Amino acid sequence: VQLQASGGGLVQPGRSLRLSCQASENIFGSNYLKWYRQAPGAQRELVGIINIDGSTIVVDSVKGRFTISRDNVKNTAYLQMNSLKAEDTAVYYCAACKFMYKTCDYWGQGTQVTVSS
């Protein structure tokens, strides 16, 4: 497995979900691991980033609700999503990137998150 996202599903508004992104060891050592999402009919958008040193950034629309972490033993990054809203419905992707502002080098296949009552 080079890069694989998992953990998506159907969840009610206000509930939580944790996505996982498992990577091969060499890929997990990339400078940046990013989470993106793409809602139906919309462009893919960045959700957040975790750097190799563990520092994180999330976009304003999920700030205070989503957190990113990584387990360097399991070569896995996580996206913890709390207080989910209908507008969080999307396919979520993880990506491994050498550079912050260039196209990422590796992409996972995406996992569907649907927030609905």
C-alpha atoms as a PDB file:
ATOM      1  CA  VAL A   1       0.000   0.000   0.000  1.00  0.00           C
ATOM      2  CA  GLN A   2       1.487   3.311  -0.980  1.00  0.00           C
ATOM      3  CA  LEU A   3      -1.199   5.603   0.390  1.00  0.00           C
ATOM      4  CA  GLN A   4      -4.673   4.567   1.455  1.00  0.00           C
ATOM      5  CA  ALA A   5      -7.435   6.558   3.091  1.00  0.00           C
ATOM      6  CA  SER A   6     -10.159   4.852   5.056  1.00  0.00           C
ATOM      7  CA  GLY A   7     -12.766   5.402   7.739  1.00  0.00           C
ATOM      8  CA  GLY A   8     -15.458   7.200   5.809  1.00  0.00           C
ATOM      9  CA  GLY A   9     -19.139   6.472   6.130  1.00  0.00           C
ATOM     10  CA  LEU A  10     -22.572   7.838   6.830  1.00  0.00           C
ATOM     11  CA  VAL A  11     -22.881   9.882  10.002  1.00  0.00           C
ATOM     12  CA  GLN A  12     -25.501  12.149  11.491  1.00  0.00           C
ATOM     13  CA  PRO A  13     -24.913  15.875  11.870  1.00  0.00           C
ATOM     14  CA  GLY A  14     -23.095  16.719  15.051  1.00  0.00           C
ATOM     15  CA  ARG A  15     -21.401  13.356  15.300  1.00  0.00           C
ATOM     16  CA  SER A  16     -17.735  12.470  14.835  1.00  0.00           C
ATOM     17  CA  LEU A  17     -15.691  10.409  12.457  1.00  0.00           C
ATOM     18  CA  ARG A  18     -12.002   9.655  12.212  1.00  0.00           C
ATOM     19  CA  LEU A  19     -10.323   9.079   8.892  1.00  0.00           C
ATOM     20  CA  SER A  20      -7.051   7.237   8.559  1.00  0.00           C
ATOM     21  CA  CYS A  21      -4.380   7.573   5.939  1.00  0.00           C
ATOM     22  CA  GLN A  22      -1.932   4.703   5.924  1.00  0.00           C
ATOM     23  CA  ALA A  23       1.230   5.061   3.913  1.00  0.00           C
ATOM     24  CA  SER A  24       4.264   3.101   2.956  1.00  0.00           C
ATOM     25  CA  GLU A  25       7.184   4.062   5.131  1.00  0.00           C
ATOM     26  CA  ASN A  26       9.055   5.982   2.467  1.00  0.00           C
ATOM     27  CA  ILE A  27       5.950   7.955   1.549  1.00  0.00           C
ATOM     28  CA  PHE A  28       4.989   8.631   5.152  1.00  0.00           C
ATOM     29  CA  GLY A  29       8.315  10.402   5.497  1.00  0.00           C
ATOM     30  CA  SER A  30       7.213  13.065   3.043  1.00  0.00           C
ATOM     31  CA  ASN A  31       7.502  16.624   4.247  1.00  0.00           C
ATOM     32  CA  TYR A  32       3.771  17.209   4.205  1.00  0.00           C
ATOM     33  CA  LEU A  33       0.736  14.986   4.530  1.00  0.00           C
ATOM     34  CA  LYS A  34      -2.367  16.767   3.365  1.00  0.00           C
ATOM     35  CA  TRP A  35      -6.070  16.087   3.598  1.00  0.00           C
ATOM     36  CA  TYR A  36      -8.288  17.274   0.780  1.00  0.00           C
ATOM     37  CA  ARG A  37     -11.970  16.876   0.095  1.00  0.00           C
ATOM     38  CA  GLN A  38     -14.188  17.167  -2.913  1.00  0.00           C
ATOM     39  CA  ALA A  39     -17.904  17.657  -2.598  1.00  0.00           C
ATOM     40  CA  PRO A  40     -20.254  16.763  -5.461  1.00  0.00           C
ATOM     41  CA  GLY A  41     -20.024  19.353  -8.205  1.00  0.00           C
ATOM     42  CA  ALA A  42     -17.289  21.259  -6.422  1.00  0.00           C
ATOM     43  CA  GLN A  43     -13.577  21.603  -6.802  1.00  0.00           C
ATOM     44  CA  ARG A  44     -11.218  19.735  -4.562  1.00  0.00           C
ATOM     45  CA  GLU A  45     -10.245  21.795  -1.565  1.00  0.00           C
ATOM     46  CA  LEU A  46      -7.571  21.576   1.056  1.00  0.00           C
ATOM     47  CA  VAL A  47      -8.731  20.611   4.532  1.00  0.00           C
ATOM     48  CA  GLY A  48      -5.471  20.567   6.423  1.00  0.00           C
ATOM     49  CA  ILE A  49      -1.815  19.704   6.557  1.00  0.00           C
ATOM     50  CA  ILE A  50       0.453  17.945   8.975  1.00  0.00           C
ATOM     51  CA  ASN A  51       4.146  18.536   8.602  1.00  0.00           C
ATOM     52  CA  ILE A  52       6.854  16.014   9.221  1.00  0.00           C
ATOM     53  CA  ASP A  53       7.552  17.702  12.551  1.00  0.00           C
ATOM     54  CA  GLY A  54       3.937  17.232  13.611  1.00  0.00           C
ATOM     55  CA  SER A  55       2.788  20.815  13.261  1.00  0.00           C
ATOM     56  CA  THR A  56      -0.626  21.218  11.691  1.00  0.00           C
ATOM     57  CA  ILE A  57      -2.749  23.670   9.786  1.00  0.00           C
ATOM     58  CA  VAL A  58      -6.457  23.391   9.090  1.00  0.00           C
ATOM     59  CA  VAL A  59      -8.605  25.653   6.989  1.00  0.00           C
ATOM     60  CA  ASP A  60     -10.996  28.106   8.613  1.00  0.00           C
ATOM     61  CA  SER A  61     -14.124  26.191   7.647  1.00  0.00           C
ATOM     62  CA  VAL A  62     -13.110  23.244   9.850  1.00  0.00           C
ATOM     63  CA  LYS A  63     -11.069  25.013  12.493  1.00  0.00           C
ATOM     64  CA  GLY A  64     -12.157  24.010  15.963  1.00  0.00           C
ATOM     65  CA  ARG A  65     -13.867  20.886  14.621  1.00  0.00           C
ATOM     66  CA  PHE A  66     -11.196  18.961  12.709  1.00  0.00           C
ATOM     67  CA  THR A  67      -7.760  17.998  13.914  1.00  0.00           C
ATOM     68  CA  ILE A  68      -4.919  16.209  12.189  1.00  0.00           C
ATOM     69  CA  SER A  69      -2.414  13.912  13.817  1.00  0.00           C
ATOM     70  CA  ARG A  70       0.097  11.277  12.850  1.00  0.00           C
ATOM     71  CA  ASP A  71       1.412   8.052  14.290  1.00  0.00           C
ATOM     72  CA  ASN A  72       4.979   7.602  13.137  1.00  0.00           C
ATOM     73  CA  VAL A  73       5.073   3.993  14.309  1.00  0.00           C
ATOM     74  CA  LYS A  74       2.037   2.983  12.291  1.00  0.00           C
ATOM     75  CA  ASN A  75       2.894   5.251   9.335  1.00  0.00           C
ATOM     76  CA  THR A  76      -0.613   6.593   9.572  1.00  0.00           C
ATOM     77  CA  ALA A  77      -2.092  10.063   9.600  1.00  0.00           C
ATOM     78  CA  TYR A  78      -5.520  10.818  10.997  1.00  0.00           C
ATOM     79  CA  LEU A  79      -8.232  13.355  10.404  1.00  0.00           C
ATOM     80  CA  GLN A  80     -10.476  13.614  13.431  1.00  0.00           C
ATOM     81  CA  MET A  81     -13.726  15.252  12.455  1.00  0.00           C
ATOM     82  CA  ASN A  82     -16.067  16.432  15.175  1.00  0.00           C
ATOM     83  CA  SER A  83     -19.355  18.303  15.067  1.00  0.00           C
ATOM     84  CA  LEU A  84     -19.858  17.240  11.492  1.00  0.00           C
ATOM     85  CA  LYS A  85     -22.143  19.258   9.271  1.00  0.00           C
ATOM     86  CA  ALA A  86     -23.976  18.433   6.079  1.00  0.00           C
ATOM     87  CA  GLU A  87     -21.543  20.648   4.196  1.00  0.00           C
ATOM     88  CA  ASP A  88     -18.701  18.373   5.245  1.00  0.00           C
ATOM     89  CA  THR A  89     -20.108  15.732   2.924  1.00  0.00           C
ATOM     90  CA  ALA A  90     -17.396  14.926   0.391  1.00  0.00           C
ATOM     91  CA  VAL A  91     -14.867  12.419  -0.746  1.00  0.00           C
ATOM     92  CA  TYR A  92     -11.811  12.862   1.433  1.00  0.00           C
ATOM     93  CA  TYR A  93      -8.328  12.259   0.106  1.00  0.00           C
ATOM     94  CA  CYS A  94      -4.940  12.147   1.704  1.00  0.00           C
ATOM     95  CA  ALA A  95      -1.817  13.097  -0.165  1.00  0.00           C
ATOM     96  CA  ALA A  96       1.895  13.023   0.484  1.00  0.00           C
ATOM     97  CA  CYS A  97       3.849  15.998  -0.704  1.00  0.00           C
ATOM     98  CA  LYS A  98       7.475  16.964  -0.901  1.00  0.00           C
ATOM     99  CA  PHE A  99       6.712  20.628  -1.334  1.00  0.00           C
ATOM    100  CA  MET A 100       4.097  22.809   0.311  1.00  0.00           C
ATOM    101  CA  TYR A 101       2.980  24.708  -2.785  1.00  0.00           C
ATOM    102  CA  LYS A 102       3.402  22.157  -5.533  1.00  0.00           C
ATOM    103  CA  THR A 103       1.338  19.215  -6.650  1.00  0.00           C
ATOM    104  CA  CYS A 104       1.556  16.347  -4.216  1.00  0.00           C
ATOM    105  CA  ASP A 105       3.504  13.300  -5.206  1.00  0.00           C
ATOM    106  CA  TYR A 106       1.207  10.557  -3.952  1.00  0.00           C
ATOM    107  CA  TRP A 107      -2.551  10.369  -3.545  1.00  0.00           C
ATOM    108  CA  GLY A 108      -4.811   7.961  -1.759  1.00  0.00           C
ATOM    109  CA  GLN A 109      -7.966   6.690  -3.428  1.00  0.00           C
ATOM    110  CA  GLY A 110     -10.424   8.710  -1.349  1.00  0.00           C
ATOM    111  CA  THR A 111     -13.032   7.779   1.212  1.00  0.00           C
ATOM    112  CA  GLN A 112     -16.626   8.981   1.149  1.00  0.00           C
ATOM    113  CA  VAL A 113     -18.004  10.913   4.107  1.00  0.00           C
ATOM    114  CA  THR A 114     -21.716  11.590   4.114  1.00  0.00           C
ATOM    115  CA  VAL A 115     -23.268  13.709   6.834  1.00  0.00           C
ATOM    116  CA  SER A 116     -27.005  13.333   6.868  1.00  0.00           C
ATOM    117  CA  SER A 117     -29.854  12.729   9.242  1.00  0.00           C
END
